[in-house]
Each structure stands twice: as C-alpha cells, then as structure tokens.
C-alpha cells in the first residue's frame, strides 16, 4: 500500500461507517437492541480506524493540502461542505464518546437524548467525508492524471 492509497481507504471507512450508523438506527427503531449495540460499536471502531488513517496520512504528507480543482458553483458547494464538515468533525468525537459512555454506564434515557443530536451530526460528517474525497480526488482533481 502506498501513501496515495490512504485517502481512498479512508473514504471507504467513512462509507462503511455511514452504513453502520444507519443500520444501527434502524436496529434500535425496530427493537433490536443487541444488533444496535454491535452495529454502533462497529461504527465507532471503523470511525476510529478512519481517524488513525487520516492523522497518519496528514503526518506522512507533512500536512500538505490537497487542492480542489473545481471553480464557480462547484467551488462554492465544495468549500461550504468542507467548512461544515471540518467544524462538525471536530465536535463529533466528544459527542460520540459521550453517547458511548452513557450507553456503557446504562444511562439509556440520557443516551437516547444525546444520540438524537449526535446521530445526524455523525452521519453528516461520515457522508461529507466521502463526498470530500470524491470532490478532490475523483470529480475535480487539481492535477488530473
């Protein structure tokens, strides 16, 4: 595996996390608590792997920014999405840790209240993480190959 493969791997981990988060919500809404627990623990683990891969990639490329090659309306869409993604990505780690802590300590009413806010933010961060990858590496690369 080359360092240039990590962004695609990270996008795949984000996509998998998205599927696990949605499946976890469906499971709890249909009363499948054990499946919900397994799916959400898996989503946390996959998201943690993503975070390790993201930090490693930033370290390995010495923080070099990958430029966006689009312009006009697409640049406006991309940078709006990127800014909201970054802000919410910083917020999601402590939110997810709080929700996990509340579930682990069996404080299910508090867990449910916190999860109502955490779930859509986490889902947004996961989906936009995949979209950021496609915007800068697939759809609008600054240096097309």
N, C-alpha and C. Protein backbone atom coordinates (compact mmCIF):
# COMPACT_ATOMS: atom_id res chain seq x y z
N UNK A 1 0.84 -1.18 0.00
CA UNK A 1 0.00 0.00 0.00
C UNK A 1 0.89 1.24 0.00
N UNK A 2 0.54 2.17 -0.83
CA UNK A 2 1.27 3.42 -0.97
C UNK A 2 0.53 4.52 -0.18
N UNK A 3 1.24 5.56 0.20
CA UNK A 3 0.63 6.67 0.93
C UNK A 3 -0.53 7.29 0.14
N UNK A 4 -0.45 7.25 -1.17
CA UNK A 4 -1.52 7.82 -2.01
C UNK A 4 -2.80 6.98 -1.98
N UNK A 5 -2.72 5.76 -1.44
CA UNK A 5 -3.91 4.90 -1.33
C UNK A 5 -4.75 5.22 -0.08
N UNK A 6 -4.16 5.91 0.87
CA UNK A 6 -4.83 6.14 2.14
C UNK A 6 -6.11 6.96 2.01
N UNK A 7 -6.15 8.04 1.22
CA UNK A 7 -7.41 8.78 1.10
C UNK A 7 -8.58 7.91 0.62
N UNK A 8 -8.34 7.04 -0.35
CA UNK A 8 -9.40 6.15 -0.83
C UNK A 8 -9.82 5.16 0.26
N UNK A 9 -8.84 4.63 0.98
CA UNK A 9 -9.15 3.74 2.10
C UNK A 9 -9.99 4.47 3.15
N UNK A 10 -9.59 5.70 3.46
CA UNK A 10 -10.34 6.49 4.44
C UNK A 10 -11.76 6.78 3.97
N UNK A 11 -11.92 7.06 2.68
CA UNK A 11 -13.27 7.27 2.15
C UNK A 11 -14.10 6.00 2.28
N UNK A 12 -13.47 4.86 2.04
CA UNK A 12 -14.18 3.58 2.22
C UNK A 12 -14.57 3.35 3.67
N UNK A 13 -13.69 3.70 4.59
CA UNK A 13 -14.03 3.56 6.02
C UNK A 13 -15.17 4.49 6.39
N UNK A 14 -15.16 5.71 5.86
CA UNK A 14 -16.27 6.64 6.11
C UNK A 14 -17.58 6.11 5.54
N UNK A 15 -17.53 5.54 4.35
CA UNK A 15 -18.73 4.96 3.74
C UNK A 15 -19.25 3.80 4.58
N UNK A 16 -18.34 2.95 5.03
CA UNK A 16 -18.75 1.83 5.88
C UNK A 16 -19.35 2.33 7.19
N UNK A 17 -18.74 3.34 7.76
CA UNK A 17 -19.27 3.94 8.98
C UNK A 17 -20.69 4.47 8.76
N UNK A 18 -20.91 5.11 7.62
CA UNK A 18 -22.24 5.61 7.29
C UNK A 18 -23.26 4.48 7.29
N UNK A 19 -22.91 3.38 6.64
CA UNK A 19 -23.83 2.23 6.58
C UNK A 19 -24.08 1.64 7.97
N UNK A 20 -23.04 1.57 8.78
CA UNK A 20 -23.19 1.03 10.14
C UNK A 20 -24.06 1.95 11.01
N UNK A 21 -23.88 3.26 10.88
CA UNK A 21 -24.66 4.21 11.67
C UNK A 21 -26.14 4.10 11.29
N UNK A 22 -26.43 4.08 9.99
CA UNK A 22 -27.83 3.97 9.54
C UNK A 22 -28.42 2.63 9.98
N UNK A 23 -27.65 1.56 9.83
CA UNK A 23 -28.14 0.23 10.25
C UNK A 23 -28.38 0.18 11.74
N UNK A 24 -27.52 0.85 12.51
CA UNK A 24 -27.71 0.91 13.96
C UNK A 24 -28.99 1.63 14.34
N UNK A 25 -29.29 2.71 13.63
CA UNK A 25 -30.53 3.43 13.90
C UNK A 25 -31.74 2.56 13.56
N UNK A 26 -31.69 1.90 12.41
CA UNK A 26 -32.79 1.02 12.01
C UNK A 26 -32.97 -0.09 13.05
N UNK A 27 -31.88 -0.65 13.52
CA UNK A 27 -31.95 -1.73 14.51
C UNK A 27 -32.64 -1.27 15.79
N UNK A 28 -32.26 -0.11 16.31
CA UNK A 28 -32.87 0.34 17.57
C UNK A 28 -34.33 0.73 17.36
N UNK A 29 -34.64 1.29 16.20
CA UNK A 29 -36.03 1.69 15.91
C UNK A 29 -36.94 0.47 15.77
N UNK A 30 -36.36 -0.68 15.43
CA UNK A 30 -37.14 -1.91 15.29
C UNK A 30 -37.01 -2.82 16.52
N UNK A 31 -36.43 -2.27 17.60
CA UNK A 31 -36.35 -3.01 18.86
C UNK A 31 -35.23 -4.04 18.94
N UNK A 32 -34.30 -4.00 18.05
CA UNK A 32 -33.20 -4.97 18.05
C UNK A 32 -32.00 -4.37 18.78
N UNK A 33 -32.07 -4.38 20.11
CA UNK A 33 -31.06 -3.71 20.93
C UNK A 33 -29.67 -4.33 20.79
N UNK A 34 -29.60 -5.66 20.74
CA UNK A 34 -28.28 -6.30 20.62
C UNK A 34 -27.64 -5.96 19.27
N UNK A 35 -28.43 -6.02 18.20
CA UNK A 35 -27.91 -5.66 16.87
C UNK A 35 -27.47 -4.19 16.86
N UNK A 36 -28.27 -3.32 17.49
CA UNK A 36 -27.92 -1.90 17.59
C UNK A 36 -26.56 -1.74 18.27
N UNK A 37 -26.37 -2.43 19.38
CA UNK A 37 -25.11 -2.34 20.13
C UNK A 37 -23.93 -2.77 19.26
N UNK A 38 -24.07 -3.91 18.59
CA UNK A 38 -22.98 -4.43 17.74
C UNK A 38 -22.70 -3.47 16.58
N UNK A 39 -23.74 -2.98 15.95
CA UNK A 39 -23.56 -2.07 14.82
C UNK A 39 -22.92 -0.75 15.24
N UNK A 40 -23.33 -0.22 16.38
CA UNK A 40 -22.79 1.07 16.81
C UNK A 40 -21.35 0.93 17.32
N UNK A 41 -21.05 -0.17 17.99
CA UNK A 41 -19.66 -0.42 18.40
C UNK A 41 -18.80 -0.57 17.14
N UNK A 42 -19.33 -1.23 16.14
CA UNK A 42 -18.60 -1.37 14.88
C UNK A 42 -18.41 -0.01 14.21
N UNK A 43 -19.42 0.84 14.24
CA UNK A 43 -19.31 2.18 13.65
C UNK A 43 -18.25 3.00 14.37
N UNK A 44 -18.19 2.89 15.70
CA UNK A 44 -17.15 3.59 16.46
C UNK A 44 -15.77 3.06 16.09
N UNK A 45 -15.64 1.74 15.99
CA UNK A 45 -14.35 1.14 15.65
C UNK A 45 -13.90 1.56 14.25
N UNK A 46 -14.80 1.53 13.29
CA UNK A 46 -14.47 1.91 11.92
C UNK A 46 -14.11 3.39 11.87
N UNK A 47 -14.86 4.22 12.60
CA UNK A 47 -14.55 5.65 12.64
C UNK A 47 -13.19 5.90 13.30
N UNK A 48 -12.87 5.12 14.31
CA UNK A 48 -11.55 5.26 14.96
C UNK A 48 -10.44 4.87 13.98
N UNK A 49 -10.65 3.80 13.21
CA UNK A 49 -9.67 3.42 12.18
C UNK A 49 -9.51 4.53 11.15
N UNK A 50 -10.63 5.12 10.75
CA UNK A 50 -10.57 6.26 9.84
C UNK A 50 -9.70 7.37 10.43
N UNK A 51 -9.96 7.71 11.69
CA UNK A 51 -9.23 8.81 12.33
C UNK A 51 -7.73 8.52 12.38
N UNK A 52 -7.37 7.30 12.70
CA UNK A 52 -5.95 6.91 12.70
C UNK A 52 -5.37 7.07 11.29
N UNK A 53 -6.10 6.58 10.28
CA UNK A 53 -5.64 6.71 8.91
C UNK A 53 -5.52 8.15 8.46
N UNK A 54 -6.47 8.97 8.86
CA UNK A 54 -6.45 10.39 8.50
C UNK A 54 -5.25 11.10 9.11
N UNK A 55 -5.04 10.88 10.41
CA UNK A 55 -3.92 11.52 11.11
C UNK A 55 -2.59 11.01 10.53
N UNK A 56 -2.51 9.70 10.28
CA UNK A 56 -1.28 9.15 9.70
C UNK A 56 -1.00 9.79 8.34
N UNK A 57 -2.03 9.88 7.50
CA UNK A 57 -1.83 10.47 6.18
C UNK A 57 -1.37 11.91 6.28
N UNK A 58 -1.99 12.69 7.15
CA UNK A 58 -1.58 14.09 7.33
C UNK A 58 -0.13 14.17 7.81
N UNK A 59 0.24 13.27 8.70
CA UNK A 59 1.62 13.23 9.20
C UNK A 59 2.57 12.83 8.07
N UNK A 60 2.20 11.80 7.30
CA UNK A 60 3.08 11.28 6.26
C UNK A 60 3.30 12.28 5.13
N UNK A 61 2.28 13.07 4.82
CA UNK A 61 2.44 14.07 3.75
C UNK A 61 2.84 15.42 4.33
N UNK A 62 3.17 15.41 5.62
CA UNK A 62 3.63 16.60 6.33
C UNK A 62 2.64 17.75 6.24
N UNK A 63 1.34 17.39 6.31
CA UNK A 63 0.28 18.39 6.33
C UNK A 63 0.02 19.10 5.02
N UNK A 64 0.63 18.61 3.94
CA UNK A 64 0.43 19.25 2.63
C UNK A 64 -1.04 19.13 2.24
N UNK A 65 -1.61 20.24 1.87
CA UNK A 65 -3.02 20.34 1.50
C UNK A 65 -3.24 19.79 0.09
N UNK A 66 -4.30 19.01 -0.11
CA UNK A 66 -4.67 18.53 -1.43
C UNK A 66 -5.62 19.55 -2.04
N UNK A 67 -5.22 20.22 -3.11
CA UNK A 67 -6.04 21.29 -3.66
C UNK A 67 -7.29 20.78 -4.38
N UNK A 68 -8.29 21.63 -4.40
CA UNK A 68 -9.55 21.37 -5.11
C UNK A 68 -9.44 21.99 -6.50
N UNK A 69 -9.77 21.22 -7.53
CA UNK A 69 -9.60 21.70 -8.89
C UNK A 69 -10.82 22.32 -9.53
N UNK A 70 -11.93 22.37 -8.81
CA UNK A 70 -13.15 22.95 -9.38
C UNK A 70 -13.20 24.46 -9.22
N UNK A 71 -14.17 25.07 -9.90
CA UNK A 71 -14.36 26.51 -9.76
C UNK A 71 -15.85 26.84 -9.86
N UNK A 72 -16.16 28.12 -9.75
CA UNK A 72 -17.54 28.56 -9.88
C UNK A 72 -18.44 27.98 -8.81
N UNK A 73 -19.62 27.55 -9.22
CA UNK A 73 -20.61 27.00 -8.30
C UNK A 73 -20.08 25.77 -7.56
N UNK A 74 -19.33 24.92 -8.27
CA UNK A 74 -18.80 23.72 -7.62
C UNK A 74 -17.82 24.07 -6.51
N UNK A 75 -17.03 25.11 -6.68
CA UNK A 75 -16.11 25.54 -5.63
C UNK A 75 -16.90 26.03 -4.43
N UNK A 76 -17.95 26.78 -4.68
CA UNK A 76 -18.80 27.27 -3.58
C UNK A 76 -19.42 26.10 -2.82
N UNK A 77 -19.95 25.13 -3.54
CA UNK A 77 -20.55 23.94 -2.92
C UNK A 77 -19.49 23.19 -2.12
N UNK A 78 -18.33 22.95 -2.73
CA UNK A 78 -17.27 22.19 -2.07
C UNK A 78 -16.80 22.88 -0.79
N UNK A 79 -16.46 24.16 -0.86
CA UNK A 79 -15.91 24.84 0.31
C UNK A 79 -16.95 25.00 1.42
N UNK A 80 -18.21 25.18 1.06
CA UNK A 80 -19.28 25.22 2.08
C UNK A 80 -19.36 23.88 2.79
N UNK A 81 -19.36 22.80 2.00
CA UNK A 81 -19.41 21.45 2.57
C UNK A 81 -18.17 21.19 3.41
N UNK A 82 -17.00 21.57 2.91
CA UNK A 82 -15.75 21.31 3.62
C UNK A 82 -15.71 22.03 4.97
N UNK A 83 -16.10 23.30 4.99
CA UNK A 83 -16.08 24.07 6.24
C UNK A 83 -17.01 23.44 7.27
N UNK A 84 -18.25 23.11 6.85
CA UNK A 84 -19.18 22.50 7.81
C UNK A 84 -18.69 21.12 8.23
N UNK A 85 -18.09 20.39 7.30
CA UNK A 85 -17.54 19.06 7.64
C UNK A 85 -16.45 19.18 8.70
N UNK A 86 -15.52 20.10 8.51
CA UNK A 86 -14.41 20.26 9.45
C UNK A 86 -14.91 20.66 10.84
N UNK A 87 -15.80 21.63 10.90
CA UNK A 87 -16.32 22.09 12.19
C UNK A 87 -17.05 20.96 12.91
N UNK A 88 -17.92 20.27 12.20
CA UNK A 88 -18.69 19.19 12.83
C UNK A 88 -17.82 17.97 13.13
N UNK A 89 -16.79 17.74 12.33
CA UNK A 89 -15.87 16.62 12.59
C UNK A 89 -15.13 16.84 13.92
N UNK A 90 -14.80 18.09 14.22
CA UNK A 90 -14.15 18.37 15.50
C UNK A 90 -15.10 18.15 16.66
N UNK A 91 -16.37 18.40 16.44
CA UNK A 91 -17.35 18.25 17.51
C UNK A 91 -17.78 16.80 17.72
N UNK A 92 -17.70 15.98 16.67
CA UNK A 92 -18.31 14.65 16.75
C UNK A 92 -17.56 13.70 17.68
N UNK A 93 -16.25 13.82 17.79
CA UNK A 93 -15.50 12.88 18.64
C UNK A 93 -15.99 12.94 20.09
N UNK A 94 -16.01 14.11 20.73
CA UNK A 94 -16.51 14.11 22.12
C UNK A 94 -17.99 13.74 22.22
N UNK A 95 -18.78 14.08 21.21
CA UNK A 95 -20.20 13.71 21.25
C UNK A 95 -20.37 12.19 21.21
N UNK A 96 -19.66 11.53 20.31
CA UNK A 96 -19.75 10.07 20.21
C UNK A 96 -19.24 9.42 21.49
N UNK A 97 -18.13 9.92 22.01
CA UNK A 97 -17.60 9.37 23.27
C UNK A 97 -18.61 9.52 24.40
N UNK A 98 -19.30 10.64 24.45
CA UNK A 98 -20.33 10.86 25.48
C UNK A 98 -21.48 9.86 25.33
N UNK A 99 -21.95 9.69 24.10
CA UNK A 99 -23.07 8.76 23.85
C UNK A 99 -22.66 7.33 24.20
N UNK A 100 -21.44 6.95 23.83
CA UNK A 100 -20.94 5.60 24.15
C UNK A 100 -20.83 5.44 25.67
N UNK A 101 -20.30 6.44 26.35
CA UNK A 101 -20.19 6.39 27.81
C UNK A 101 -21.56 6.20 28.46
N UNK A 102 -22.55 6.95 27.99
CA UNK A 102 -23.89 6.85 28.57
C UNK A 102 -24.50 5.47 28.34
N UNK A 103 -24.25 4.89 27.18
CA UNK A 103 -24.76 3.53 26.91
C UNK A 103 -24.01 2.51 27.77
N UNK A 104 -22.68 2.66 27.87
CA UNK A 104 -21.87 1.71 28.63
C UNK A 104 -22.20 1.74 30.12
N UNK A 105 -22.63 2.89 30.61
CA UNK A 105 -22.99 3.02 32.02
C UNK A 105 -24.49 2.85 32.24
N UNK A 106 -25.16 2.36 31.19
CA UNK A 106 -26.58 2.03 31.24
C UNK A 106 -27.48 3.22 31.57
N UNK A 107 -27.07 4.40 31.21
CA UNK A 107 -27.88 5.61 31.38
C UNK A 107 -28.65 5.83 30.06
N UNK A 108 -29.60 4.93 29.82
CA UNK A 108 -30.21 4.85 28.50
C UNK A 108 -31.08 6.05 28.14
N UNK A 109 -31.73 6.67 29.09
CA UNK A 109 -32.53 7.86 28.78
C UNK A 109 -31.64 9.02 28.35
N UNK A 110 -30.55 9.22 29.08
CA UNK A 110 -29.58 10.26 28.68
C UNK A 110 -28.93 9.89 27.35
N UNK A 111 -28.60 8.62 27.19
CA UNK A 111 -28.00 8.13 25.95
C UNK A 111 -28.92 8.49 24.77
N UNK A 112 -30.18 8.22 24.93
CA UNK A 112 -31.16 8.47 23.86
C UNK A 112 -31.25 9.97 23.55
N UNK A 113 -31.28 10.80 24.58
CA UNK A 113 -31.35 12.26 24.37
C UNK A 113 -30.11 12.77 23.64
N UNK A 114 -28.94 12.34 24.05
CA UNK A 114 -27.69 12.77 23.40
C UNK A 114 -27.59 12.20 21.99
N UNK A 115 -28.02 10.96 21.81
CA UNK A 115 -27.92 10.32 20.49
C UNK A 115 -28.79 11.01 19.46
N UNK A 116 -29.91 11.59 19.88
CA UNK A 116 -30.78 12.31 18.94
C UNK A 116 -30.05 13.46 18.25
N UNK A 117 -29.12 14.08 18.96
CA UNK A 117 -28.31 15.17 18.38
C UNK A 117 -27.04 14.64 17.72
N UNK A 118 -26.47 13.63 18.34
CA UNK A 118 -25.19 13.11 17.85
C UNK A 118 -25.36 12.37 16.53
N UNK A 119 -26.41 11.57 16.42
CA UNK A 119 -26.63 10.75 15.23
C UNK A 119 -26.59 11.57 13.92
N UNK A 120 -27.40 12.62 13.78
CA UNK A 120 -27.37 13.33 12.49
C UNK A 120 -26.04 14.03 12.22
N UNK A 121 -25.37 14.48 13.27
CA UNK A 121 -24.06 15.13 13.07
C UNK A 121 -23.04 14.09 12.60
N UNK A 122 -23.02 12.95 13.27
CA UNK A 122 -22.09 11.88 12.89
C UNK A 122 -22.36 11.41 11.46
N UNK A 123 -23.63 11.25 11.13
CA UNK A 123 -23.99 10.82 9.79
C UNK A 123 -23.54 11.87 8.76
N UNK A 124 -23.77 13.15 9.05
CA UNK A 124 -23.34 14.22 8.14
C UNK A 124 -21.83 14.20 7.94
N UNK A 125 -21.09 14.05 9.02
CA UNK A 125 -19.62 14.03 8.93
C UNK A 125 -19.16 12.83 8.11
N UNK A 126 -19.77 11.68 8.31
CA UNK A 126 -19.39 10.48 7.55
C UNK A 126 -19.68 10.64 6.07
N UNK A 127 -20.88 11.10 5.74
CA UNK A 127 -21.27 11.26 4.33
C UNK A 127 -20.42 12.33 3.66
N UNK A 128 -20.26 13.48 4.32
CA UNK A 128 -19.47 14.55 3.69
C UNK A 128 -17.99 14.18 3.60
N UNK A 129 -17.52 13.31 4.49
CA UNK A 129 -16.15 12.82 4.37
C UNK A 129 -15.95 12.07 3.06
N UNK A 130 -16.91 11.26 2.69
CA UNK A 130 -16.85 10.53 1.42
C UNK A 130 -16.94 11.53 0.26
N UNK A 131 -17.85 12.48 0.38
CA UNK A 131 -18.02 13.47 -0.69
C UNK A 131 -16.77 14.33 -0.88
N UNK A 132 -16.12 14.72 0.22
CA UNK A 132 -14.87 15.50 0.11
C UNK A 132 -13.85 14.70 -0.70
N UNK A 133 -13.73 13.42 -0.40
CA UNK A 133 -12.80 12.57 -1.17
C UNK A 133 -13.14 12.63 -2.66
N UNK A 134 -14.41 12.41 -3.01
CA UNK A 134 -14.79 12.40 -4.42
C UNK A 134 -14.57 13.77 -5.07
N UNK A 135 -14.88 14.84 -4.35
CA UNK A 135 -14.67 16.18 -4.91
C UNK A 135 -13.21 16.44 -5.25
N UNK A 136 -12.28 16.07 -4.34
CA UNK A 136 -10.88 16.45 -4.59
C UNK A 136 -10.05 15.39 -5.31
N UNK A 137 -10.47 14.13 -5.27
CA UNK A 137 -9.66 13.09 -5.90
C UNK A 137 -10.28 12.52 -7.17
N UNK A 138 -11.60 12.58 -7.31
CA UNK A 138 -12.26 11.92 -8.43
C UNK A 138 -12.90 12.92 -9.39
N UNK A 139 -13.78 13.79 -8.87
CA UNK A 139 -14.55 14.67 -9.74
C UNK A 139 -13.81 15.93 -10.17
N UNK A 140 -13.05 16.54 -9.25
CA UNK A 140 -12.40 17.82 -9.55
C UNK A 140 -10.95 17.83 -9.06
N UNK A 141 -10.13 16.89 -9.49
CA UNK A 141 -8.73 16.90 -9.04
C UNK A 141 -8.00 18.12 -9.60
N UNK A 142 -7.13 18.71 -8.81
CA UNK A 142 -6.37 19.90 -9.23
C UNK A 142 -5.36 19.53 -10.30
N UNK A 143 -4.82 18.35 -10.20
CA UNK A 143 -3.82 17.88 -11.18
C UNK A 143 -4.29 16.57 -11.78
N UNK A 144 -5.24 16.62 -12.74
CA UNK A 144 -5.77 15.37 -13.31
C UNK A 144 -4.66 14.52 -13.91
N UNK A 145 -4.81 13.22 -13.73
CA UNK A 145 -3.79 12.29 -14.23
C UNK A 145 -4.05 11.96 -15.68
